[in-house]
């Protein structure tokens, strides 16, 4: 099974490179599929009303079909294109897949019984969440489905390179394996906030710092009950020579911790909205929040795997 994007036969025969364009918003080739998905996925009228309520939709601000608020799946599928991703994101948040599965079992009560299912042969349940994720992938959308976990609800999130995303998962797992569950929690939360359909850059940055603090403070500032990442930085600044990296430098001796320290300082000093009102205070941009998340991923992984060790004192 290949993970490369599909390429039209005519392009393959012409020897053209694979088109790796990622499409923002709702491109023309995705819009019909999203509208059809909404019509098929929304199987209860109450779900329509919940979307209208959750998104605070009103007929004055939006040009709805027939000039009225949506009251059916078909109406909801006809919202302006500018609202389509919000509607899809909201439906995922409201567990559209679980609602659809419940309604399926109501209509096919014997579906869970292998013998009864074999005799009656009910229509197979089609998970709308999986269908949506496939549709977004086929359209090369900038968004994909985010499954619900213990940190965030289901919804849409920006597509990130699979290797980069896997490295974040590895950092979370390593943090948990080393007993730093909070670091894993904050990394997940930071990632979700940074890459959501409507990101929360400030919240993402806060959680990135917290993730690093959870692994770094016990190692370098455990005696300070009010320690922060700043405390860790001061310890490494003052006593950096007592620590070293497990990786060797160009002299084949354990490398110094300057790189780790520089990343910590970048993350700490870049948190410019931590103290509003200051002369250097500034809002956190989405790009800065994403960079902070990836710095945190690297630091959490390195510190959870003992990449920095305390140097042994010289032997007499």
C-alpha atoms as a PDB file:
ATOM      1  CA  UNK A   1       0.000   0.000   0.000  1.00  0.00           C
ATOM      2  CA  UNK A   2       1.442   3.365  -1.033  1.00  0.00           C
ATOM      3  CA  UNK A   3       1.130   6.605   0.897  1.00  0.00           C
ATOM      4  CA  UNK A   4       1.946   8.802  -2.114  1.00  0.00           C
ATOM      5  CA  UNK A   5      -0.819  11.126  -3.345  1.00  0.00           C
ATOM      6  CA  UNK A   6      -2.880   9.767  -6.222  1.00  0.00           C
ATOM      7  CA  UNK A   7      -1.936  11.115  -9.622  1.00  0.00           C
ATOM      8  CA  UNK A   8      -4.155  11.133 -12.736  1.00  0.00           C
ATOM      9  CA  UNK A   9      -3.191   8.605 -15.388  1.00  0.00           C
ATOM     10  CA  UNK A  10      -2.590  11.369 -17.932  1.00  0.00           C
ATOM     11  CA  UNK A  11      -0.085  13.027 -15.584  1.00  0.00           C
ATOM     12  CA  UNK A  12       1.658   9.711 -14.876  1.00  0.00           C
ATOM     13  CA  UNK A  13       1.998   8.949 -18.581  1.00  0.00           C
ATOM     14  CA  UNK A  14       3.320  12.445 -19.204  1.00  0.00           C
ATOM     15  CA  UNK A  15       5.950  11.940 -16.505  1.00  0.00           C
ATOM     16  CA  UNK A  16       4.737  14.928 -14.511  1.00  0.00           C
ATOM     17  CA  UNK A  17       5.683  15.255 -10.839  1.00  0.00           C
ATOM     18  CA  UNK A  18       3.066  14.507  -8.208  1.00  0.00           C
ATOM     19  CA  UNK A  19       1.025  17.579  -7.319  1.00  0.00           C
ATOM     20  CA  UNK A  20       1.534  18.077  -3.577  1.00  0.00           C
ATOM     21  CA  UNK A  21      -0.478  21.296  -3.346  1.00  0.00           C
ATOM     22  CA  UNK A  22      -2.435  21.632  -0.102  1.00  0.00           C
ATOM     23  CA  UNK A  23      -5.706  23.525  -0.520  1.00  0.00           C
ATOM     24  CA  UNK A  24      -6.888  26.026   2.068  1.00  0.00           C
ATOM     25  CA  UNK A  25     -10.513  26.713   2.889  1.00  0.00           C
ATOM     26  CA  UNK A  26     -13.178  25.078   0.723  1.00  0.00           C
ATOM     27  CA  UNK A  27     -11.840  24.754  -2.828  1.00  0.00           C
ATOM     28  CA  UNK A  28     -14.309  24.255  -5.654  1.00  0.00           C
ATOM     29  CA  UNK A  29     -13.459  20.570  -6.005  1.00  0.00           C
ATOM     30  CA  UNK A  30     -14.237  19.900  -2.315  1.00  0.00           C
ATOM     31  CA  UNK A  31     -17.440  21.925  -1.856  1.00  0.00           C
ATOM     32  CA  UNK A  32     -19.923  19.446  -3.440  1.00  0.00           C
ATOM     33  CA  UNK A  33     -18.466  16.582  -1.421  1.00  0.00           C
ATOM     34  CA  UNK A  34     -18.755  18.467   1.859  1.00  0.00           C
ATOM     35  CA  UNK A  35     -22.355  19.422   1.180  1.00  0.00           C
ATOM     36  CA  UNK A  36     -23.224  15.843   0.285  1.00  0.00           C
ATOM     37  CA  UNK A  37     -21.432  14.586   3.395  1.00  0.00           C
ATOM     38  CA  UNK A  38     -23.487  16.886   5.637  1.00  0.00           C
ATOM     39  CA  UNK A  39     -26.749  15.651   4.062  1.00  0.00           C
ATOM     40  CA  UNK A  40     -25.767  12.012   4.607  1.00  0.00           C
ATOM     41  CA  UNK A  41     -24.079  12.356   8.019  1.00  0.00           C
ATOM     42  CA  UNK A  42     -26.748  14.393   9.830  1.00  0.00           C
ATOM     43  CA  UNK A  43     -29.409  11.796  10.617  1.00  0.00           C
ATOM     44  CA  UNK A  44     -31.380  13.637  13.323  1.00  0.00           C
ATOM     45  CA  UNK A  45     -33.095  17.005  13.328  1.00  0.00           C
ATOM     46  CA  UNK A  46     -31.839  17.673  16.852  1.00  0.00           C
ATOM     47  CA  UNK A  47     -28.264  17.593  15.546  1.00  0.00           C
ATOM     48  CA  UNK A  48     -29.130  20.391  13.112  1.00  0.00           C
ATOM     49  CA  UNK A  49     -30.528  22.502  15.942  1.00  0.00           C
ATOM     50  CA  UNK A  50     -27.428  21.861  18.066  1.00  0.00           C
ATOM     51  CA  UNK A  51     -25.166  23.058  15.251  1.00  0.00           C
ATOM     52  CA  UNK A  52     -27.279  26.216  14.828  1.00  0.00           C
ATOM     53  CA  UNK A  53     -27.071  26.836  18.576  1.00  0.00           C
ATOM     54  CA  UNK A  54     -23.367  26.027  18.956  1.00  0.00           C
ATOM     55  CA  UNK A  55     -22.332  28.248  16.034  1.00  0.00           C
ATOM     56  CA  UNK A  56     -24.737  31.026  17.093  1.00  0.00           C
ATOM     57  CA  UNK A  57     -26.109  31.171  13.553  1.00  0.00           C
ATOM     58  CA  UNK A  58     -28.569  33.932  12.733  1.00  0.00           C
ATOM     59  CA  UNK A  59     -30.399  34.854   9.552  1.00  0.00           C
ATOM     60  CA  UNK A  60     -29.334  38.500   9.733  1.00  0.00           C
ATOM     61  CA  UNK A  61     -25.617  37.752   9.504  1.00  0.00           C
ATOM     62  CA  UNK A  62     -25.724  34.935   6.972  1.00  0.00           C
ATOM     63  CA  UNK A  63     -27.477  34.396   3.649  1.00  0.00           C
ATOM     64  CA  UNK A  64     -29.231  31.098   4.329  1.00  0.00           C
ATOM     65  CA  UNK A  65     -31.294  29.109   1.868  1.00  0.00           C
ATOM     66  CA  UNK A  66     -34.851  30.563   1.748  1.00  0.00           C
ATOM     67  CA  UNK A  67     -33.686  33.227   4.201  1.00  0.00           C
ATOM     68  CA  UNK A  68     -34.360  30.974   7.191  1.00  0.00           C
ATOM     69  CA  UNK A  69     -32.141  29.181   9.686  1.00  0.00           C
ATOM     70  CA  UNK A  70     -31.396  25.542   8.773  1.00  0.00           C
ATOM     71  CA  UNK A  71     -33.940  23.087  10.178  1.00  0.00           C
ATOM     72  CA  UNK A  72     -32.967  19.939   8.273  1.00  0.00           C
ATOM     73  CA  UNK A  73     -29.845  18.187   7.039  1.00  0.00           C
ATOM     74  CA  UNK A  74     -30.559  19.445   3.530  1.00  0.00           C
ATOM     75  CA  UNK A  75     -30.872  23.029   4.785  1.00  0.00           C
ATOM     76  CA  UNK A  76     -27.641  22.675   6.745  1.00  0.00           C
ATOM     77  CA  UNK A  77     -25.837  21.420   3.653  1.00  0.00           C
ATOM     78  CA  UNK A  78     -26.821  24.623   1.851  1.00  0.00           C
ATOM     79  CA  UNK A  79     -25.107  27.071   4.212  1.00  0.00           C
ATOM     80  CA  UNK A  80     -22.753  29.588   2.571  1.00  0.00           C
ATOM     81  CA  UNK A  81     -19.376  28.130   1.591  1.00  0.00           C
ATOM     82  CA  UNK A  82     -17.695  30.332   4.198  1.00  0.00           C
ATOM     83  CA  UNK A  83     -19.514  28.366   6.926  1.00  0.00           C
ATOM     84  CA  UNK A  84     -18.966  24.844   5.620  1.00  0.00           C
ATOM     85  CA  UNK A  85     -15.787  24.048   7.551  1.00  0.00           C
ATOM     86  CA  UNK A  86     -17.283  25.478  10.747  1.00  0.00           C
ATOM     87  CA  UNK A  87     -20.347  23.272  10.307  1.00  0.00           C
ATOM     88  CA  UNK A  88     -18.207  20.185   9.682  1.00  0.00           C
ATOM     89  CA  UNK A  89     -15.958  20.990  12.639  1.00  0.00           C
ATOM     90  CA  UNK A  90     -19.001  21.471  14.870  1.00  0.00           C
ATOM     91  CA  UNK A  91     -20.576  18.192  13.739  1.00  0.00           C
ATOM     92  CA  UNK A  92     -17.385  16.344  14.664  1.00  0.00           C
ATOM     93  CA  UNK A  93     -17.401  18.098  18.039  1.00  0.00           C
ATOM     94  CA  UNK A  94     -21.003  16.933  18.547  1.00  0.00           C
ATOM     95  CA  UNK A  95     -20.015  13.292  17.848  1.00  0.00           C
ATOM     96  CA  UNK A  96     -21.813  13.008  14.536  1.00  0.00           C
ATOM     97  CA  UNK A  97     -20.366   9.507  14.114  1.00  0.00           C
ATOM     98  CA  UNK A  98     -21.768   8.271  17.418  1.00  0.00           C
ATOM     99  CA  UNK A  99     -25.175   9.788  16.640  1.00  0.00           C
ATOM    100  CA  UNK A 100     -25.213   8.109  13.231  1.00  0.00           C
ATOM    101  CA  UNK A 101     -24.230   4.754  14.735  1.00  0.00           C
ATOM    102  CA  UNK A 102     -26.950   5.005  17.394  1.00  0.00           C
ATOM    103  CA  UNK A 103     -29.582   5.738  14.754  1.00  0.00           C
ATOM    104  CA  UNK A 104     -28.297   2.836  12.673  1.00  0.00           C
ATOM    105  CA  UNK A 105     -28.732   0.442  15.616  1.00  0.00           C
ATOM    106  CA  UNK A 106     -32.250   1.780  16.223  1.00  0.00           C
ATOM    107  CA  UNK A 107     -33.176   0.974  12.619  1.00  0.00           C
ATOM    108  CA  UNK A 108     -31.261  -2.318  12.596  1.00  0.00           C
ATOM    109  CA  UNK A 109     -31.578  -3.779  16.127  1.00  0.00           C
ATOM    110  CA  UNK A 110     -30.291  -7.158  14.982  1.00  0.00           C
ATOM    111  CA  UNK A 111     -27.080  -5.765  13.532  1.00  0.00           C
ATOM    112  CA  UNK A 112     -25.080  -6.685  16.631  1.00  0.00           C
ATOM    113  CA  UNK A 113     -26.203 -10.307  16.515  1.00  0.00           C
ATOM    114  CA  UNK A 114     -24.073 -12.294  14.018  1.00  0.00           C
ATOM    115  CA  UNK A 115     -26.842 -14.876  13.400  1.00  0.00           C
ATOM    116  CA  UNK A 116     -29.623 -12.306  13.024  1.00  0.00           C
ATOM    117  CA  UNK A 117     -27.415 -10.108  10.873  1.00  0.00           C
ATOM    118  CA  UNK A 118     -26.676 -13.064   8.617  1.00  0.00           C
ATOM    119  CA  UNK A 119     -30.395 -13.833   8.209  1.00  0.00           C
ATOM    120  CA  UNK A 120     -31.663 -10.287   7.783  1.00  0.00           C
ATOM    121  CA  UNK A 121     -28.544  -8.866   6.057  1.00  0.00           C
ATOM    122  CA  UNK A 122     -28.968  -5.244   7.191  1.00  0.00           C
ATOM    123  CA  UNK A 123     -27.202  -2.488   5.309  1.00  0.00           C
ATOM    124  CA  UNK A 124     -23.638  -2.086   6.541  1.00  0.00           C
ATOM    125  CA  UNK A 125     -23.003   0.895   8.793  1.00  0.00           C
ATOM    126  CA  UNK A 126     -20.897   3.548   7.088  1.00  0.00           C
ATOM    127  CA  UNK A 127     -18.960   5.670   9.557  1.00  0.00           C
ATOM    128  CA  UNK A 128     -19.365   9.313   8.479  1.00  0.00           C
ATOM    129  CA  UNK A 129     -16.170  10.301  10.287  1.00  0.00           C
ATOM    130  CA  UNK A 130     -14.056   7.896   8.240  1.00  0.00           C
ATOM    131  CA  UNK A 131     -15.852   8.983   5.075  1.00  0.00           C
ATOM    132  CA  UNK A 132     -15.102  12.629   5.822  1.00  0.00           C
ATOM    133  CA  UNK A 133     -11.423  11.993   6.533  1.00  0.00           C
ATOM    134  CA  UNK A 134     -11.091  10.131   3.224  1.00  0.00           C
ATOM    135  CA  UNK A 135     -12.855  12.960   1.369  1.00  0.00           C
ATOM    136  CA  UNK A 136     -10.548  15.604   2.851  1.00  0.00           C
ATOM    137  CA  UNK A 137      -7.520  13.510   1.972  1.00  0.00           C
ATOM    138  CA  UNK A 138      -8.680  12.953  -1.605  1.00  0.00           C
ATOM    139  CA  UNK A 139      -9.197  16.700  -2.009  1.00  0.00           C
ATOM    140  CA  UNK A 140      -5.730  17.482  -0.580  1.00  0.00           C
ATOM    141  CA  UNK A 141      -7.415  19.709   1.993  1.00  0.00           C
ATOM    142  CA  UNK A 142      -5.302  21.599   4.501  1.00  0.00           C
ATOM    143  CA  UNK A 143      -7.477  19.944   7.165  1.00  0.00           C
ATOM    144  CA  UNK A 144      -8.049  16.456   8.451  1.00  0.00           C
ATOM    145  CA  UNK A 145     -10.186  14.850  11.161  1.00  0.00           C
ATOM    146  CA  UNK A 146      -8.870  15.024  14.720  1.00  0.00           C
ATOM    147  CA  UNK A 147     -10.150  12.153  16.805  1.00  0.00           C
ATOM    148  CA  UNK A 148     -11.352  12.916  20.333  1.00  0.00           C
ATOM    149  CA  UNK A 149      -8.976  12.011  23.158  1.00  0.00           C
ATOM    150  CA  UNK A 150      -8.631  12.742  26.862  1.00  0.00           C
ATOM    151  CA  UNK A 151      -7.476  16.290  26.092  1.00  0.00           C
ATOM    152  CA  UNK A 152      -9.600  17.568  23.221  1.00  0.00           C
ATOM    153  CA  UNK A 153     -12.869  16.938  21.444  1.00  0.00           C
ATOM    154  CA  UNK A 154     -13.086  15.662  17.890  1.00  0.00           C
ATOM    155  CA  UNK A 155     -12.871  18.311  15.209  1.00  0.00           C
ATOM    156  CA  UNK A 156     -10.836  19.492  12.256  1.00  0.00           C
ATOM    157  CA  UNK A 157      -7.119  20.131  12.522  1.00  0.00           C
ATOM    158  CA  UNK A 158      -4.467  21.260  10.084  1.00  0.00           C
ATOM    159  CA  UNK A 159      -2.616  18.556   8.219  1.00  0.00           C
ATOM    160  CA  UNK A 160       0.975  18.178   9.439  1.00  0.00           C
ATOM    161  CA  UNK A 161       3.707  16.107   7.822  1.00  0.00           C
ATOM    162  CA  UNK A 162       3.283  12.535   9.058  1.00  0.00           C
ATOM    163  CA  UNK A 163       6.897  12.225  10.208  1.00  0.00           C
ATOM    164  CA  UNK A 164       6.610  15.411  12.261  1.00  0.00           C
ATOM    165  CA  UNK A 165       3.308  14.285  13.774  1.00  0.00           C
ATOM    166  CA  UNK A 166       4.786  10.882  14.636  1.00  0.00           C
ATOM    167  CA  UNK A 167       7.698  12.548  16.434  1.00  0.00           C
ATOM    168  CA  UNK A 168       5.210  14.431  18.603  1.00  0.00           C
ATOM    169  CA  UNK A 169       3.398  11.202  19.460  1.00  0.00           C
ATOM    170  CA  UNK A 170       6.734   9.577  20.351  1.00  0.00           C
ATOM    171  CA  UNK A 171       7.573  12.477  22.680  1.00  0.00           C
ATOM    172  CA  UNK A 172       4.203  12.125  24.411  1.00  0.00           C
ATOM    173  CA  UNK A 173       4.672   8.387  24.824  1.00  0.00           C
ATOM    174  CA  UNK A 174       8.220   8.811  26.109  1.00  0.00           C
ATOM    175  CA  UNK A 175       7.065  11.373  28.661  1.00  0.00           C
ATOM    176  CA  UNK A 176       4.437   8.937  29.932  1.00  0.00           C
ATOM    177  CA  UNK A 177       6.980   6.107  30.054  1.00  0.00           C
ATOM    178  CA  UNK A 178       9.254   8.263  32.214  1.00  0.00           C
ATOM    179  CA  UNK A 179       6.410   9.057  34.611  1.00  0.00           C
ATOM    180  CA  UNK A 180       5.730  12.586  33.354  1.00  0.00           C
ATOM    181  CA  UNK A 181       2.060  12.231  32.446  1.00  0.00           C
ATOM    182  CA  UNK A 182       1.443  15.963  32.738  1.00  0.00           C
ATOM    183  CA  UNK A 183       4.064  16.669  30.085  1.00  0.00           C
ATOM    184  CA  UNK A 184       2.261  14.312  27.717  1.00  0.00           C
ATOM    185  CA  UNK A 185      -1.086  15.924  28.551  1.00  0.00           C
ATOM    186  CA  UNK A 186       0.185  19.445  27.917  1.00  0.00           C
ATOM    187  CA  UNK A 187       1.884  18.449  24.672  1.00  0.00           C
ATOM    188  CA  UNK A 188      -1.380  16.988  23.377  1.00  0.00           C
ATOM    189  CA  UNK A 189      -3.272  20.075  24.471  1.00  0.00           C
ATOM    190  CA  UNK A 190      -0.711  22.414  22.930  1.00  0.00           C
ATOM    191  CA  UNK A 191      -0.797  20.537  19.635  1.00  0.00           C
ATOM    192  CA  UNK A 192      -4.608  20.561  19.521  1.00  0.00           C
ATOM    193  CA  UNK A 193      -4.768  24.297  20.220  1.00  0.00           C
ATOM    194  CA  UNK A 194      -2.064  25.178  17.701  1.00  0.00           C
ATOM    195  CA  UNK A 195      -3.488  23.160  14.813  1.00  0.00           C
ATOM    196  CA  UNK A 196      -7.252  23.495  15.344  1.00  0.00           C
ATOM    197  CA  UNK A 197      -9.519  24.963  12.665  1.00  0.00           C
ATOM    198  CA  UNK A 198      -9.637  28.080  14.842  1.00  0.00           C
ATOM    199  CA  UNK A 199      -6.323  27.937  16.716  1.00  0.00           C
ATOM    200  CA  UNK A 200      -5.657  29.279  20.194  1.00  0.00           C
ATOM    201  CA  UNK A 201      -2.047  30.498  19.849  1.00  0.00           C
ATOM    202  CA  UNK A 202      -1.779  31.885  23.371  1.00  0.00           C
ATOM    203  CA  UNK A 203      -3.162  28.729  24.956  1.00  0.00           C
ATOM    204  CA  UNK A 204      -0.945  26.560  22.769  1.00  0.00           C
ATOM    205  CA  UNK A 205       2.161  28.477  23.865  1.00  0.00           C
ATOM    206  CA  UNK A 206       1.258  28.245  27.549  1.00  0.00           C
ATOM    207  CA  UNK A 207       0.805  24.486  27.311  1.00  0.00           C
ATOM    208  CA  UNK A 208       4.073  24.071  25.379  1.00  0.00           C
ATOM    209  CA  UNK A 209       5.944  25.783  28.222  1.00  0.00           C
ATOM    210  CA  UNK A 210       4.101  23.695  30.819  1.00  0.00           C
ATOM    211  CA  UNK A 211       5.039  20.473  29.023  1.00  0.00           C
ATOM    212  CA  UNK A 212       8.733  21.355  29.170  1.00  0.00           C
ATOM    213  CA  UNK A 213       8.480  22.498  32.777  1.00  0.00           C
ATOM    214  CA  UNK A 214       6.993  19.149  33.824  1.00  0.00           C
ATOM    215  CA  UNK A 215      10.052  17.247  32.630  1.00  0.00           C
ATOM    216  CA  UNK A 216      12.728  19.880  33.309  1.00  0.00           C
ATOM    217  CA  UNK A 217      11.902  21.131  36.806  1.00  0.00           C
ATOM    218  CA  UNK A 218      12.303  17.736  38.539  1.00  0.00           C
ATOM    219  CA  UNK A 219      15.705  17.387  36.871  1.00  0.00           C
ATOM    220  CA  UNK A 220      17.178  20.850  37.407  1.00  0.00           C
ATOM    221  CA  UNK A 221      15.095  22.796  39.952  1.00  0.00           C
ATOM    222  CA  UNK A 222      13.471  20.172  42.170  1.00  0.00           C
ATOM    223  CA  UNK A 223      14.276  21.985  45.421  1.00  0.00           C
ATOM    224  CA  UNK A 224      12.442  25.167  44.399  1.00  0.00           C
ATOM    225  CA  UNK A 225       8.710  24.914  45.227  1.00  0.00           C
ATOM    226  CA  UNK A 226       7.970  27.855  42.915  1.00  0.00           C
ATOM    227  CA  UNK A 227      10.217  26.782  40.068  1.00  0.00           C
ATOM    228  CA  UNK A 228       9.441  27.693  36.471  1.00  0.00           C
ATOM    229  CA  UNK A 229      11.228  27.160  33.193  1.00  0.00           C
ATOM    230  CA  UNK A 230      13.101  30.352  34.068  1.00  0.00           C
ATOM    231  CA  UNK A 231      14.467  28.609  37.181  1.00  0.00           C
ATOM    232  CA  UNK A 232      15.702  25.731  35.041  1.00  0.00           C
ATOM    233  CA  UNK A 233      17.407  28.160  32.658  1.00  0.00           C
ATOM    234  CA  UNK A 234      19.183  29.903  35.557  1.00  0.00           C
ATOM    235  CA  UNK A 235      20.414  26.564  36.899  1.00  0.00           C
ATOM    236  CA  UNK A 236      21.840  25.520  33.532  1.00  0.00           C
ATOM    237  CA  UNK A 237      23.318  28.998  33.023  1.00  0.00           C
ATOM    238  CA  UNK A 238      25.107  28.887  36.379  1.00  0.00           C
ATOM    239  CA  UNK A 239      26.068  25.233  36.485  1.00  0.00           C
ATOM    240  CA  UNK A 240      26.049  24.201  32.858  1.00  0.00           C
ATOM    241  CA  UNK A 241      29.499  22.647  33.125  1.00  0.00           C
ATOM    242  CA  UNK A 242      28.156  20.052  35.540  1.00  0.00           C
ATOM    243  CA  UNK A 243      25.829  18.727  32.822  1.00  0.00           C
ATOM    244  CA  UNK A 244      26.546  17.222  29.434  1.00  0.00           C
ATOM    245  CA  UNK A 245      24.801  15.646  26.471  1.00  0.00           C
ATOM    246  CA  UNK A 246      24.873  11.950  25.679  1.00  0.00           C
ATOM    247  CA  UNK A 247      25.872  12.892  22.140  1.00  0.00           C
ATOM    248  CA  UNK A 248      29.552  13.608  21.470  1.00  0.00           C
ATOM    249  CA  UNK A 249      30.962  16.805  20.008  1.00  0.00           C
ATOM    250  CA  UNK A 250      33.698  17.187  17.360  1.00  0.00           C
ATOM    251  CA  UNK A 251      36.332  16.343  19.968  1.00  0.00           C
ATOM    252  CA  UNK A 252      34.584  13.048  20.751  1.00  0.00           C
ATOM    253  CA  UNK A 253      33.678  14.170  24.265  1.00  0.00           C
ATOM    254  CA  UNK A 254      30.169  14.683  25.684  1.00  0.00           C
ATOM    255  CA  UNK A 255      28.726  17.836  24.170  1.00  0.00           C
ATOM    256  CA  UNK A 256      27.853  20.816  26.326  1.00  0.00           C
ATOM    257  CA  UNK A 257      24.250  21.750  27.036  1.00  0.00           C
ATOM    258  CA  UNK A 258      24.251  25.073  25.164  1.00  0.00           C
ATOM    259  CA  UNK A 259      21.863  23.806  22.510  1.00  0.00           C
ATOM    260  CA  UNK A 260      19.323  22.601  25.061  1.00  0.00           C
ATOM    261  CA  UNK A 261      19.747  25.851  26.969  1.00  0.00           C
ATOM    262  CA  UNK A 262      19.286  27.946  23.817  1.00  0.00           C
ATOM    263  CA  UNK A 263      16.035  26.163  22.966  1.00  0.00           C
ATOM    264  CA  UNK A 264      14.753  26.679  26.510  1.00  0.00           C
ATOM    265  CA  UNK A 265      15.618  30.377  26.372  1.00  0.00           C
ATOM    266  CA  UNK A 266      13.960  30.758  22.982  1.00  0.00           C
ATOM    267  CA  UNK A 267      10.776  29.152  24.277  1.00  0.00           C
ATOM    268  CA  UNK A 268      10.814  31.114  27.553  1.00  0.00           C
ATOM    269  CA  UNK A 269      11.661  34.541  26.132  1.00  0.00           C
ATOM    270  CA  UNK A 270       9.352  34.091  23.160  1.00  0.00           C
ATOM    271  CA  UNK A 271       6.350  33.882  25.481  1.00  0.00           C
ATOM    272  CA  UNK A 272       5.627  37.554  24.908  1.00  0.00           C
ATOM    273  CA  UNK A 273       2.012  37.672  26.129  1.00  0.00           C
ATOM    274  CA  UNK A 274       2.849  36.198  29.526  1.00  0.00           C
ATOM    275  CA  UNK A 275       2.853  39.642  31.180  1.00  0.00           C
ATOM    276  CA  UNK A 276       0.415  41.959  29.353  1.00  0.00           C
ATOM    277  CA  UNK A 277       1.139  45.664  29.523  1.00  0.00           C
ATOM    278  CA  UNK A 278       4.908  45.410  29.343  1.00  0.00           C
ATOM    279  CA  UNK A 279       6.889  47.320  26.729  1.00  0.00           C
ATOM    280  CA  UNK A 280       7.862  44.096  24.920  1.00  0.00           C
ATOM    281  CA  UNK A 281       4.526  42.343  25.368  1.00  0.00           C
ATOM    282  CA  UNK A 282       3.003  41.122  22.111  1.00  0.00           C
ATOM    283  CA  UNK A 283       0.300  38.686  20.975  1.00  0.00           C
ATOM    284  CA  UNK A 284       1.386  35.153  20.125  1.00  0.00           C
ATOM    285  CA  UNK A 285       0.965  34.506  16.411  1.00  0.00           C
ATOM    286  CA  UNK A 286      -0.245  31.131  15.102  1.00  0.00           C
ATOM    287  CA  UNK A 287       3.172  30.587  13.529  1.00  0.00           C
ATOM    288  CA  UNK A 288       4.972  31.303  16.805  1.00  0.00           C
ATOM    289  CA  UNK A 289       2.648  28.930  18.654  1.00  0.00           C
ATOM    290  CA  UNK A 290       3.341  26.131  16.186  1.00  0.00           C
ATOM    291  CA  UNK A 291       7.096  26.725  16.493  1.00  0.00           C
ATOM    292  CA  UNK A 292       6.773  26.620  20.289  1.00  0.00           C
ATOM    293  CA  UNK A 293       4.935  23.299  20.093  1.00  0.00           C
ATOM    294  CA  UNK A 294       7.722  21.719  18.062  1.00  0.00           C
ATOM    295  CA  UNK A 295      10.438  23.111  20.349  1.00  0.00           C
ATOM    296  CA  UNK A 296       8.527  21.609  23.277  1.00  0.00           C
ATOM    297  CA  UNK A 297       8.226  18.256  21.480  1.00  0.00           C
ATOM    298  CA  UNK A 298      12.004  18.111  21.016  1.00  0.00           C
ATOM    299  CA  UNK A 299      12.815  19.203  24.568  1.00  0.00           C
ATOM    300  CA  UNK A 300      10.318  16.835  26.172  1.00  0.00           C
ATOM    301  CA  UNK A 301      11.638  13.917  24.163  1.00  0.00           C
ATOM    302  CA  UNK A 302      15.298  14.691  24.914  1.00  0.00           C
ATOM    303  CA  UNK A 303      14.777  15.305  28.630  1.00  0.00           C
ATOM    304  CA  UNK A 304      12.524  12.256  29.004  1.00  0.00           C
ATOM    305  CA  UNK A 305      15.213  10.030  27.523  1.00  0.00           C
ATOM    306  CA  UNK A 306      18.076  11.357  29.691  1.00  0.00           C
ATOM    307  CA  UNK A 307      19.795  13.043  26.774  1.00  0.00           C
ATOM    308  CA  UNK A 308      21.241  15.469  29.324  1.00  0.00           C
ATOM    309  CA  UNK A 309      23.172  13.898  32.190  1.00  0.00           C
ATOM    310  CA  UNK A 310      25.048  15.190  35.199  1.00  0.00           C
ATOM    311  CA  UNK A 311      28.778  15.017  34.582  1.00  0.00           C
ATOM    312  CA  UNK A 312      30.739  12.760  36.891  1.00  0.00           C
ATOM    313  CA  UNK A 313      33.319  14.561  39.072  1.00  0.00           C
ATOM    314  CA  UNK A 314      36.930  14.009  38.022  1.00  0.00           C
ATOM    315  CA  UNK A 315      38.562  10.960  39.611  1.00  0.00           C
ATOM    316  CA  UNK A 316      41.401  11.677  42.110  1.00  0.00           C
END
